[in-house]
C-alpha cells in the first residue's frame, strides 16, 4: 500500500503536529513534507499530496474537499503570528503588501478592510524580504514566525485574529487538515491521535526542536498554549463558515 502524502505548514505553530506525527507509528505510513501555507494549498490543489494543513480560504476551490481532523491552526484571542503592521494607523495607509506565504490571512485582511475597517487601499504582491521594505504610508500582512519578529518593529500592529473576533464575536480558523481523498475511520483516528500526542508533549517538542530562530521576547510554550487554539469546535465552525461567506465576495 502506498504511503499517504501529507503537506504540513513549516511554522512554529505547527511544530506540535509535526512532532506528534514524527513520534507516532503513523510516520511509517505517511510521506511528510513541510511547506509554507500557500505551497501546502497548491500541492493539494495539484493533487501532489493526499492531505494538507491548508489555508481555509482555499477550501471552496477544492472538489470534494473534506476536513478530516479535529484539529486546526486557530485562535480564540490574539494569535500574534498573523498581523498587519504599519508605521501609521490603518486608516491612514494607502498601500497594503500581501504576504506571499498566505491565502487565508490575505483574504481575512481584505474582508476586514472592506467590511469593518472601511478603508480603500492598493493591494500589492510581495516577494522574500518585503516586510523590511514597508514605507511610512504603507502596511504589510505578515504571517508566521516572521510576524513574531515584526511585532516589535512597527508602532502599529493589528492582530488579525483579534480584529476578527472583535467584530464577529467568533474565533478564527486559519488552516485545517483537508483532503480530497476518502480516508477510513482507522486512519482518521490514528492521525488525530498523533496530532493529540504532539499537543500533549509540548515540553518534549520544545526541548528537542531548535527554536533559537525565534526572537528573544517569544516564549514558545506560552505562544503555543495561549495564542494558538488547536481544537475545532462548534464556535470555530461558525467562524469558519462566516469567513467563507465573506470570502465568496472576493476572488482568491
C-alpha atoms as a PDB file:
ATOM      1  CA  UNK A   1       0.000   0.000   0.000  1.00  0.00           C
ATOM      2  CA  UNK A   2       1.411   3.408  -0.979  1.00  0.00           C
ATOM      3  CA  UNK A   3       2.153   5.955   1.703  1.00  0.00           C
ATOM      4  CA  UNK A   4      -0.224   8.844   2.332  1.00  0.00           C
ATOM      5  CA  UNK A   5       1.384  12.074   1.147  1.00  0.00           C
ATOM      6  CA  UNK A   6       0.932  14.907   3.645  1.00  0.00           C
ATOM      7  CA  UNK A   7       1.952  18.568   3.471  1.00  0.00           C
ATOM      8  CA  UNK A   8       2.249  20.397   6.799  1.00  0.00           C
ATOM      9  CA  UNK A   9       2.976  24.059   7.444  1.00  0.00           C
ATOM     10  CA  UNK A  10       6.592  24.675   8.418  1.00  0.00           C
ATOM     11  CA  UNK A  11       5.903  27.362  11.062  1.00  0.00           C
ATOM     12  CA  UNK A  12       6.415  27.074  14.819  1.00  0.00           C
ATOM     13  CA  UNK A  13       2.663  26.909  15.402  1.00  0.00           C
ATOM     14  CA  UNK A  14       2.565  23.585  13.535  1.00  0.00           C
ATOM     15  CA  UNK A  15       5.556  22.031  15.293  1.00  0.00           C
ATOM     16  CA  UNK A  16       3.362  20.200  17.848  1.00  0.00           C
ATOM     17  CA  UNK A  17       1.532  18.479  14.975  1.00  0.00           C
ATOM     18  CA  UNK A  18       4.767  17.611  13.186  1.00  0.00           C
ATOM     19  CA  UNK A  19       6.271  16.284  16.420  1.00  0.00           C
ATOM     20  CA  UNK A  20       3.237  14.109  17.038  1.00  0.00           C
ATOM     21  CA  UNK A  21       3.314  12.690  13.520  1.00  0.00           C
ATOM     22  CA  UNK A  22       7.047  12.003  13.677  1.00  0.00           C
ATOM     23  CA  UNK A  23       6.843  10.345  17.104  1.00  0.00           C
ATOM     24  CA  UNK A  24       3.814   8.157  16.344  1.00  0.00           C
ATOM     25  CA  UNK A  25       3.601   4.909  14.407  1.00  0.00           C
ATOM     26  CA  UNK A  26       1.723   6.726  11.644  1.00  0.00           C
ATOM     27  CA  UNK A  27       5.074   8.076  10.398  1.00  0.00           C
ATOM     28  CA  UNK A  28       5.664   4.629   8.854  1.00  0.00           C
ATOM     29  CA  UNK A  29       2.573   5.058   6.671  1.00  0.00           C
ATOM     30  CA  UNK A  30       2.974   8.660   5.514  1.00  0.00           C
ATOM     31  CA  UNK A  31       5.303  10.783   3.439  1.00  0.00           C
ATOM     32  CA  UNK A  32       5.537  14.139   5.216  1.00  0.00           C
ATOM     33  CA  UNK A  33       6.661  17.398   3.600  1.00  0.00           C
ATOM     34  CA  UNK A  34       6.959  20.762   5.345  1.00  0.00           C
ATOM     35  CA  UNK A  35       5.935  23.814   3.350  1.00  0.00           C
ATOM     36  CA  UNK A  36       4.724  27.391   3.613  1.00  0.00           C
ATOM     37  CA  UNK A  37       0.898  27.629   3.722  1.00  0.00           C
ATOM     38  CA  UNK A  38       0.425  28.729   0.108  1.00  0.00           C
ATOM     39  CA  UNK A  39       2.523  25.776  -1.080  1.00  0.00           C
ATOM     40  CA  UNK A  40       0.545  23.352   1.109  1.00  0.00           C
ATOM     41  CA  UNK A  41      -2.572  24.626  -0.631  1.00  0.00           C
ATOM     42  CA  UNK A  42      -1.115  24.391  -4.115  1.00  0.00           C
ATOM     43  CA  UNK A  43       0.138  20.849  -3.554  1.00  0.00           C
ATOM     44  CA  UNK A  44      -3.367  19.738  -2.583  1.00  0.00           C
ATOM     45  CA  UNK A  45      -4.926  21.648  -5.476  1.00  0.00           C
ATOM     46  CA  UNK A  46      -2.495  19.996  -7.887  1.00  0.00           C
ATOM     47  CA  UNK A  47      -3.009  16.513  -6.444  1.00  0.00           C
ATOM     48  CA  UNK A  48       0.601  16.238  -5.327  1.00  0.00           C
ATOM     49  CA  UNK A  49      -0.440  15.354  -1.772  1.00  0.00           C
ATOM     50  CA  UNK A  50      -3.403  13.463  -0.319  1.00  0.00           C
ATOM     51  CA  UNK A  51      -3.811  15.629   2.745  1.00  0.00           C
ATOM     52  CA  UNK A  52      -2.655  19.096   3.705  1.00  0.00           C
ATOM     53  CA  UNK A  53      -2.779  21.610   6.505  1.00  0.00           C
ATOM     54  CA  UNK A  54      -4.089  24.244   4.139  1.00  0.00           C
ATOM     55  CA  UNK A  55      -5.343  27.833   4.418  1.00  0.00           C
ATOM     56  CA  UNK A  56      -9.114  27.597   4.806  1.00  0.00           C
ATOM     57  CA  UNK A  57      -9.652  30.239   2.113  1.00  0.00           C
ATOM     58  CA  UNK A  58      -8.714  27.573  -0.449  1.00  0.00           C
ATOM     59  CA  UNK A  59     -11.432  25.094   0.588  1.00  0.00           C
ATOM     60  CA  UNK A  60     -14.065  26.395  -1.897  1.00  0.00           C
ATOM     61  CA  UNK A  61     -11.589  25.806  -4.757  1.00  0.00           C
ATOM     62  CA  UNK A  62     -11.268  22.106  -3.966  1.00  0.00           C
ATOM     63  CA  UNK A  63     -13.615  19.471  -5.384  1.00  0.00           C
ATOM     64  CA  UNK A  64     -14.972  17.152  -2.693  1.00  0.00           C
ATOM     65  CA  UNK A  65     -12.805  18.729  -0.028  1.00  0.00           C
ATOM     66  CA  UNK A  66     -13.249  17.450   3.493  1.00  0.00           C
ATOM     67  CA  UNK A  67     -11.780  18.499   6.837  1.00  0.00           C
ATOM     68  CA  UNK A  68     -10.663  15.148   8.220  1.00  0.00           C
ATOM     69  CA  UNK A  69      -9.260  16.120  11.611  1.00  0.00           C
ATOM     70  CA  UNK A  70     -10.484  17.508  14.921  1.00  0.00           C
ATOM     71  CA  UNK A  71      -7.504  19.884  14.918  1.00  0.00           C
ATOM     72  CA  UNK A  72      -6.594  23.127  13.157  1.00  0.00           C
ATOM     73  CA  UNK A  73      -4.487  26.249  13.415  1.00  0.00           C
ATOM     74  CA  UNK A  74      -6.974  28.587  15.031  1.00  0.00           C
ATOM     75  CA  UNK A  75      -7.306  31.411  17.517  1.00  0.00           C
ATOM     76  CA  UNK A  76      -9.811  32.426  20.153  1.00  0.00           C
ATOM     77  CA  UNK A  77      -7.858  35.570  21.037  1.00  0.00           C
ATOM     78  CA  UNK A  78      -4.716  37.324  19.809  1.00  0.00           C
ATOM     79  CA  UNK A  79      -2.750  34.944  17.570  1.00  0.00           C
ATOM     80  CA  UNK A  80       0.381  37.161  17.254  1.00  0.00           C
ATOM     81  CA  UNK A  81       1.700  35.366  14.173  1.00  0.00           C
ATOM     82  CA  UNK A  82      -0.855  36.843  11.741  1.00  0.00           C
ATOM     83  CA  UNK A  83      -0.700  40.634  11.665  1.00  0.00           C
ATOM     84  CA  UNK A  84      -0.985  43.788   9.652  1.00  0.00           C
ATOM     85  CA  UNK A  85       1.940  46.038  10.585  1.00  0.00           C
ATOM     86  CA  UNK A  86       2.443  49.703   9.701  1.00  0.00           C
ATOM     87  CA  UNK A  87       4.052  52.989  10.692  1.00  0.00           C
ATOM     88  CA  UNK A  88       0.715  54.817  10.678  1.00  0.00           C
ATOM     89  CA  UNK A  89      -2.815  53.926  11.787  1.00  0.00           C
ATOM     90  CA  UNK A  90      -4.502  51.638   9.294  1.00  0.00           C
ATOM     91  CA  UNK A  91      -6.944  54.425   8.408  1.00  0.00           C
ATOM     92  CA  UNK A  92      -4.018  56.493   7.051  1.00  0.00           C
ATOM     93  CA  UNK A  93      -2.426  53.734   4.975  1.00  0.00           C
ATOM     94  CA  UNK A  94      -2.768  53.769   1.171  1.00  0.00           C
ATOM     95  CA  UNK A  95      -0.985  50.512   0.227  1.00  0.00           C
ATOM     96  CA  UNK A  96      -1.020  47.069   1.836  1.00  0.00           C
ATOM     97  CA  UNK A  97       1.585  44.447   0.933  1.00  0.00           C
ATOM     98  CA  UNK A  98       0.213  40.900   0.923  1.00  0.00           C
ATOM     99  CA  UNK A  99       2.397  38.140   2.349  1.00  0.00           C
ATOM    100  CA  UNK A 100       3.077  35.677  -0.485  1.00  0.00           C
ATOM    101  CA  UNK A 101       3.120  32.824   2.053  1.00  0.00           C
ATOM    102  CA  UNK A 102      -0.534  33.394   2.807  1.00  0.00           C
ATOM    103  CA  UNK A 103      -4.016  32.879   1.422  1.00  0.00           C
ATOM    104  CA  UNK A 104      -6.403  32.888   4.381  1.00  0.00           C
ATOM    105  CA  UNK A 105      -4.671  35.828   6.075  1.00  0.00           C
ATOM    106  CA  UNK A 106      -4.689  37.843   2.862  1.00  0.00           C
ATOM    107  CA  UNK A 107      -8.393  37.133   2.408  1.00  0.00           C
ATOM    108  CA  UNK A 108      -9.093  37.995   6.041  1.00  0.00           C
ATOM    109  CA  UNK A 109      -7.321  41.338   5.587  1.00  0.00           C
ATOM    110  CA  UNK A 110      -9.433  42.128   2.531  1.00  0.00           C
ATOM    111  CA  UNK A 111     -12.596  41.241   4.460  1.00  0.00           C
ATOM    112  CA  UNK A 112     -11.625  43.409   7.415  1.00  0.00           C
ATOM    113  CA  UNK A 113     -10.675  46.310   5.147  1.00  0.00           C
ATOM    114  CA  UNK A 114     -13.966  46.270   3.270  1.00  0.00           C
ATOM    115  CA  UNK A 115     -16.468  45.320   5.955  1.00  0.00           C
ATOM    116  CA  UNK A 116     -15.022  46.554   9.235  1.00  0.00           C
ATOM    117  CA  UNK A 117     -12.108  48.962   8.804  1.00  0.00           C
ATOM    118  CA  UNK A 118     -13.863  50.746   5.924  1.00  0.00           C
ATOM    119  CA  UNK A 119     -10.641  51.566   4.094  1.00  0.00           C
ATOM    120  CA  UNK A 120      -9.860  51.578   0.382  1.00  0.00           C
ATOM    121  CA  UNK A 121      -6.230  50.718  -0.317  1.00  0.00           C
ATOM    122  CA  UNK A 122      -3.984  49.448  -3.070  1.00  0.00           C
ATOM    123  CA  UNK A 123      -3.102  45.772  -2.672  1.00  0.00           C
ATOM    124  CA  UNK A 124       0.475  44.854  -3.581  1.00  0.00           C
ATOM    125  CA  UNK A 125       2.027  41.425  -4.157  1.00  0.00           C
ATOM    126  CA  UNK A 126       5.315  40.578  -2.453  1.00  0.00           C
ATOM    127  CA  UNK A 127       8.492  38.559  -2.604  1.00  0.00           C
ATOM    128  CA  UNK A 128      11.028  37.495   0.010  1.00  0.00           C
ATOM    129  CA  UNK A 129      12.063  40.243   2.447  1.00  0.00           C
ATOM    130  CA  UNK A 130       9.079  42.506   1.777  1.00  0.00           C
ATOM    131  CA  UNK A 131       8.496  43.117   5.489  1.00  0.00           C
ATOM    132  CA  UNK A 132      11.753  45.096   5.657  1.00  0.00           C
ATOM    133  CA  UNK A 133      10.748  47.440   2.824  1.00  0.00           C
ATOM    134  CA  UNK A 134       7.496  48.891   4.178  1.00  0.00           C
ATOM    135  CA  UNK A 135       7.356  52.696   3.902  1.00  0.00           C
ATOM    136  CA  UNK A 136       5.617  55.250   6.093  1.00  0.00           C
ATOM    137  CA  UNK A 137       2.301  55.270   4.238  1.00  0.00           C
ATOM    138  CA  UNK A 138       2.224  51.502   3.729  1.00  0.00           C
ATOM    139  CA  UNK A 139       1.281  48.408   5.704  1.00  0.00           C
ATOM    140  CA  UNK A 140       2.015  44.721   5.313  1.00  0.00           C
ATOM    141  CA  UNK A 141       0.223  41.481   6.031  1.00  0.00           C
ATOM    142  CA  UNK A 142       2.875  39.386   7.766  1.00  0.00           C
ATOM    143  CA  UNK A 143       2.333  35.799   8.888  1.00  0.00           C
ATOM    144  CA  UNK A 144       4.179  33.007  10.613  1.00  0.00           C
ATOM    145  CA  UNK A 145       7.418  33.260  12.544  1.00  0.00           C
ATOM    146  CA  UNK A 146       8.465  36.484  10.824  1.00  0.00           C
ATOM    147  CA  UNK A 147       5.354  38.152  12.270  1.00  0.00           C
ATOM    148  CA  UNK A 148       6.669  37.388  15.757  1.00  0.00           C
ATOM    149  CA  UNK A 149       9.758  39.401  14.849  1.00  0.00           C
ATOM    150  CA  UNK A 150       7.820  42.189  13.145  1.00  0.00           C
ATOM    151  CA  UNK A 151       5.533  42.850  16.104  1.00  0.00           C
ATOM    152  CA  UNK A 152       8.421  44.661  17.823  1.00  0.00           C
ATOM    153  CA  UNK A 153       9.484  46.642  14.745  1.00  0.00           C
ATOM    154  CA  UNK A 154       6.303  48.534  13.920  1.00  0.00           C
ATOM    155  CA  UNK A 155       4.412  51.107  16.026  1.00  0.00           C
ATOM    156  CA  UNK A 156       1.055  49.857  14.717  1.00  0.00           C
ATOM    157  CA  UNK A 157       0.337  46.140  14.807  1.00  0.00           C
ATOM    158  CA  UNK A 158      -3.122  44.786  14.077  1.00  0.00           C
ATOM    159  CA  UNK A 159      -3.572  41.189  15.194  1.00  0.00           C
ATOM    160  CA  UNK A 160      -5.908  39.742  12.576  1.00  0.00           C
ATOM    161  CA  UNK A 161      -7.454  37.103  14.821  1.00  0.00           C
ATOM    162  CA  UNK A 162      -8.121  39.739  17.467  1.00  0.00           C
ATOM    163  CA  UNK A 163      -9.651  42.070  14.870  1.00  0.00           C
ATOM    164  CA  UNK A 164     -11.918  39.322  13.516  1.00  0.00           C
ATOM    165  CA  UNK A 165     -13.085  38.353  16.998  1.00  0.00           C
ATOM    166  CA  UNK A 166     -13.706  41.995  17.919  1.00  0.00           C
ATOM    167  CA  UNK A 167     -16.132  42.443  15.064  1.00  0.00           C
ATOM    168  CA  UNK A 168     -17.738  38.995  14.773  1.00  0.00           C
ATOM    169  CA  UNK A 169     -17.514  37.616  18.334  1.00  0.00           C
ATOM    170  CA  UNK A 170     -16.350  34.325  16.814  1.00  0.00           C
ATOM    171  CA  UNK A 171     -12.970  32.551  16.829  1.00  0.00           C
ATOM    172  CA  UNK A 172     -10.989  32.173  13.632  1.00  0.00           C
ATOM    173  CA  UNK A 173      -9.608  29.152  11.799  1.00  0.00           C
ATOM    174  CA  UNK A 174      -6.540  29.909   9.678  1.00  0.00           C
ATOM    175  CA  UNK A 175      -5.719  26.399   8.465  1.00  0.00           C
ATOM    176  CA  UNK A 176      -7.301  22.971   8.648  1.00  0.00           C
ATOM    177  CA  UNK A 177      -6.341  19.426   7.714  1.00  0.00           C
ATOM    178  CA  UNK A 178      -8.134  18.990   4.397  1.00  0.00           C
ATOM    179  CA  UNK A 179      -8.228  16.131   1.891  1.00  0.00           C
ATOM    180  CA  UNK A 180      -9.886  15.353  -1.429  1.00  0.00           C
ATOM    181  CA  UNK A 181      -9.429  11.636  -0.716  1.00  0.00           C
ATOM    182  CA  UNK A 182     -11.663   9.433   1.403  1.00  0.00           C
ATOM    183  CA  UNK A 183      -9.889   8.073   4.477  1.00  0.00           C
ATOM    184  CA  UNK A 184     -11.282   5.285   6.604  1.00  0.00           C
ATOM    185  CA  UNK A 185     -12.009   5.668  10.290  1.00  0.00           C
ATOM    186  CA  UNK A 186      -8.844   3.819  11.312  1.00  0.00           C
ATOM    187  CA  UNK A 187      -6.590   6.311   9.518  1.00  0.00           C
ATOM    188  CA  UNK A 188      -8.545   9.292  10.841  1.00  0.00           C
ATOM    189  CA  UNK A 189      -8.268   8.014  14.398  1.00  0.00           C
ATOM    190  CA  UNK A 190      -4.559   7.266  14.046  1.00  0.00           C
ATOM    191  CA  UNK A 191      -3.974  10.695  12.511  1.00  0.00           C
ATOM    192  CA  UNK A 192      -5.921  12.530  15.218  1.00  0.00           C
ATOM    193  CA  UNK A 193      -4.188  10.549  17.956  1.00  0.00           C
ATOM    194  CA  UNK A 194      -0.793  11.523  16.527  1.00  0.00           C
ATOM    195  CA  UNK A 195      -1.721  15.216  16.498  1.00  0.00           C
ATOM    196  CA  UNK A 196      -3.021  14.946  20.055  1.00  0.00           C
ATOM    197  CA  UNK A 197       0.226  13.271  21.119  1.00  0.00           C
ATOM    198  CA  UNK A 198       2.173  16.273  19.885  1.00  0.00           C
ATOM    199  CA  UNK A 199      -0.053  18.698  21.780  1.00  0.00           C
ATOM    200  CA  UNK A 200       0.229  16.578  24.911  1.00  0.00           C
ATOM    201  CA  UNK A 201       4.047  16.648  24.749  1.00  0.00           C
ATOM    202  CA  UNK A 202       4.822  20.317  24.150  1.00  0.00           C
ATOM    203  CA  UNK A 203       7.723  20.338  26.602  1.00  0.00           C
ATOM    204  CA  UNK A 204       9.359  17.381  24.862  1.00  0.00           C
ATOM    205  CA  UNK A 205       8.899  19.051  21.477  1.00  0.00           C
ATOM    206  CA  UNK A 206      10.341  22.352  22.683  1.00  0.00           C
ATOM    207  CA  UNK A 207      13.338  20.596  24.207  1.00  0.00           C
ATOM    208  CA  UNK A 208      14.060  18.542  21.091  1.00  0.00           C
ATOM    209  CA  UNK A 209      13.493  21.183  18.369  1.00  0.00           C
ATOM    210  CA  UNK A 210      15.872  24.034  17.632  1.00  0.00           C
ATOM    211  CA  UNK A 211      13.802  27.168  18.352  1.00  0.00           C
ATOM    212  CA  UNK A 212      16.721  29.590  18.591  1.00  0.00           C
ATOM    213  CA  UNK A 213      15.453  31.393  15.478  1.00  0.00           C
ATOM    214  CA  UNK A 214      12.538  32.791  17.494  1.00  0.00           C
ATOM    215  CA  UNK A 215      13.001  36.348  18.802  1.00  0.00           C
ATOM    216  CA  UNK A 216      14.105  36.639  22.431  1.00  0.00           C
ATOM    217  CA  UNK A 217      10.765  38.045  23.606  1.00  0.00           C
ATOM    218  CA  UNK A 218       8.863  34.932  22.481  1.00  0.00           C
ATOM    219  CA  UNK A 219       8.336  32.107  24.978  1.00  0.00           C
ATOM    220  CA  UNK A 220       7.439  29.211  22.662  1.00  0.00           C
ATOM    221  CA  UNK A 221       5.328  27.392  25.235  1.00  0.00           C
ATOM    222  CA  UNK A 222       3.304  30.497  26.070  1.00  0.00           C
ATOM    223  CA  UNK A 223       2.820  31.229  22.365  1.00  0.00           C
ATOM    224  CA  UNK A 224       1.701  27.688  21.547  1.00  0.00           C
ATOM    225  CA  UNK A 225      -0.569  27.332  24.574  1.00  0.00           C
ATOM    226  CA  UNK A 226      -2.049  30.824  24.796  1.00  0.00           C
ATOM    227  CA  UNK A 227      -2.108  32.180  21.240  1.00  0.00           C
ATOM    228  CA  UNK A 228      -2.835  29.109  19.116  1.00  0.00           C
ATOM    229  CA  UNK A 229      -6.135  27.286  19.643  1.00  0.00           C
ATOM    230  CA  UNK A 230      -5.814  23.870  18.040  1.00  0.00           C
ATOM    231  CA  UNK A 231      -9.190  22.236  18.586  1.00  0.00           C
ATOM    232  CA  UNK A 232     -12.013  22.573  16.067  1.00  0.00           C
ATOM    233  CA  UNK A 233     -15.271  23.140  17.933  1.00  0.00           C
ATOM    234  CA  UNK A 234     -18.752  24.420  17.173  1.00  0.00           C
ATOM    235  CA  UNK A 235     -17.806  28.082  17.545  1.00  0.00           C
ATOM    236  CA  UNK A 236     -14.835  27.706  15.213  1.00  0.00           C
ATOM    237  CA  UNK A 237     -17.059  26.058  12.619  1.00  0.00           C
ATOM    238  CA  UNK A 238     -19.390  29.053  12.856  1.00  0.00           C
ATOM    239  CA  UNK A 239     -16.445  31.407  12.462  1.00  0.00           C
ATOM    240  CA  UNK A 240     -15.123  29.412   9.507  1.00  0.00           C
ATOM    241  CA  UNK A 241     -18.489  29.413   7.748  1.00  0.00           C
ATOM    242  CA  UNK A 242     -18.888  33.159   8.274  1.00  0.00           C
ATOM    243  CA  UNK A 243     -15.390  33.769   6.898  1.00  0.00           C
ATOM    244  CA  UNK A 244     -16.151  31.693   3.801  1.00  0.00           C
ATOM    245  CA  UNK A 245     -19.396  33.630   3.306  1.00  0.00           C
ATOM    246  CA  UNK A 246     -17.473  36.907   3.341  1.00  0.00           C
ATOM    247  CA  UNK A 247     -14.713  35.428   1.170  1.00  0.00           C
ATOM    248  CA  UNK A 248     -17.198  34.426  -1.540  1.00  0.00           C
ATOM    249  CA  UNK A 249     -17.404  38.121  -2.458  1.00  0.00           C
ATOM    250  CA  UNK A 250     -13.722  38.140  -3.454  1.00  0.00           C
ATOM    251  CA  UNK A 251     -11.538  36.277  -5.906  1.00  0.00           C
ATOM    252  CA  UNK A 252      -8.707  34.343  -4.277  1.00  0.00           C
END
